[in-house]
Amino acid sequence: MIFLTFTFALLMLADFDSTRRVLSKGGVELNKPLAWLMAKIGVIPALALAKVLPAALVLYAVSVDQMPWQLLAALDAGYLGVVIWNYRQLYKEK
């Protein structure tokens, strides 16, 4: 469970970094609620909020033994897909 939690935290950081970099190069946020929040409060604050809240919920759930490892593994897999997508957008040929 420690490995999955650590992986989740690293993926949150990688998603924050890759999203920020894609947006700075002219990319568009595909998550409509997050795009709306970015327009209201700014890119960095919205990204931080979008990462801190889920991370806090996951850490809390893990700390009180209410997070099944299978769910955390699925979250990790989902965020890994997002991070791979973001980095592919950064490095694809134009």
Protein backbone atom coordinates (compact mmCIF):
# COMPACT_ATOMS: atom_id res chain seq x y z
CA MET A 1 0.00 0.00 0.00
CA ILE A 2 2.92 2.33 0.68
CA PHE A 3 4.21 1.83 -2.87
CA LEU A 4 0.78 2.58 -4.39
CA THR A 5 0.36 5.68 -2.23
CA PHE A 6 3.85 6.94 -3.12
CA THR A 7 3.13 6.24 -6.79
CA PHE A 8 -0.12 8.21 -6.53
CA ALA A 9 1.72 11.20 -5.06
CA LEU A 10 4.38 11.08 -7.80
CA LEU A 11 1.71 10.86 -10.49
CA MET A 12 -0.07 13.90 -9.02
CA LEU A 13 3.17 15.86 -9.28
CA ALA A 14 3.84 14.59 -12.81
CA ASP A 15 0.28 15.49 -13.86
CA PHE A 16 0.66 18.99 -12.39
CA ASP A 17 3.99 19.51 -14.16
CA SER A 18 2.98 18.03 -17.50
CA THR A 19 -0.36 19.88 -17.59
CA ARG A 20 1.33 23.18 -16.77
CA ARG A 21 3.91 22.61 -19.49
CA VAL A 22 1.34 21.60 -22.12
CA LEU A 23 -0.76 24.67 -21.35
CA SER A 24 2.29 26.95 -21.48
CA LYS A 25 2.96 25.69 -25.01
CA GLY A 26 -0.55 26.53 -26.17
CA GLY A 27 -2.31 23.30 -25.28
CA VAL A 28 -5.91 23.20 -24.07
CA GLU A 29 -7.23 21.67 -20.85
CA LEU A 30 -9.63 18.91 -21.87
CA ASN A 31 -11.22 18.58 -18.42
CA LYS A 32 -14.06 21.12 -18.74
CA PRO A 33 -14.64 21.73 -15.00
CA LEU A 34 -10.90 22.23 -14.50
CA ALA A 35 -10.71 24.54 -17.53
CA TRP A 36 -13.56 26.59 -16.04
CA LEU A 37 -11.76 26.77 -12.68
CA MET A 38 -8.54 27.82 -14.42
CA ALA A 39 -10.41 30.67 -16.11
CA LYS A 40 -11.79 31.79 -12.74
CA ILE A 41 -8.75 31.55 -10.45
CA GLY A 42 -5.75 30.98 -12.73
CA VAL A 43 -3.88 27.97 -14.04
CA ILE A 44 -1.49 27.31 -11.16
CA PRO A 45 -4.04 27.77 -8.33
CA ALA A 46 -6.59 25.60 -10.17
CA LEU A 47 -4.04 22.86 -10.86
CA ALA A 48 -2.85 22.95 -7.26
CA LEU A 49 -6.41 22.65 -5.98
CA ALA A 50 -7.17 19.86 -8.42
CA LYS A 51 -4.19 17.89 -7.13
CA VAL A 52 -4.22 18.72 -3.42
CA LEU A 53 -7.85 17.79 -2.79
CA PRO A 54 -7.72 14.29 -4.33
CA ALA A 55 -4.31 13.66 -2.77
CA ALA A 56 -5.61 14.66 0.67
CA LEU A 57 -8.65 12.40 0.29
CA VAL A 58 -6.52 9.46 -0.79
CA LEU A 59 -4.00 9.98 2.01
CA TYR A 60 -6.79 10.23 4.55
CA ALA A 61 -8.54 7.10 3.24
CA VAL A 62 -5.26 5.16 3.26
CA SER A 63 -4.41 6.36 6.78
CA VAL A 64 -7.72 5.11 8.21
CA ASP A 65 -7.63 1.84 6.22
CA GLN A 66 -10.63 2.75 4.09
CA MET A 67 -8.91 2.62 0.69
CA PRO A 68 -8.84 -0.82 -0.95
CA TRP A 69 -5.52 -1.38 -2.67
CA GLN A 70 -7.37 -2.31 -5.86
CA LEU A 71 -9.00 1.14 -5.99
CA LEU A 72 -5.69 2.88 -5.39
CA ALA A 73 -4.08 0.76 -8.10
CA ALA A 74 -6.89 1.75 -10.50
CA LEU A 75 -6.40 5.44 -9.63
CA ASP A 76 -2.67 5.07 -10.26
CA ALA A 77 -3.33 3.44 -13.63
CA GLY A 78 -5.75 6.19 -14.61
CA TYR A 79 -3.38 8.97 -13.67
CA LEU A 80 -0.52 7.18 -15.41
CA GLY A 81 -2.61 7.31 -18.59
CA VAL A 82 -3.19 11.04 -18.13
CA VAL A 83 0.51 11.70 -17.53
CA ILE A 84 1.54 9.65 -20.57
CA TRP A 85 -1.01 11.55 -22.68
CA ASN A 86 0.32 14.91 -21.44
CA TYR A 87 3.97 14.08 -22.08
CA ARG A 88 3.11 12.71 -25.53
CA GLN A 89 1.49 16.07 -26.28
CA LEU A 90 4.68 17.82 -25.20
CA TYR A 91 7.00 15.76 -27.33
CA LYS A 92 4.95 14.97 -30.42
CA GLU A 93 6.27 16.34 -33.68
CA LYS A 94 4.52 19.34 -35.10
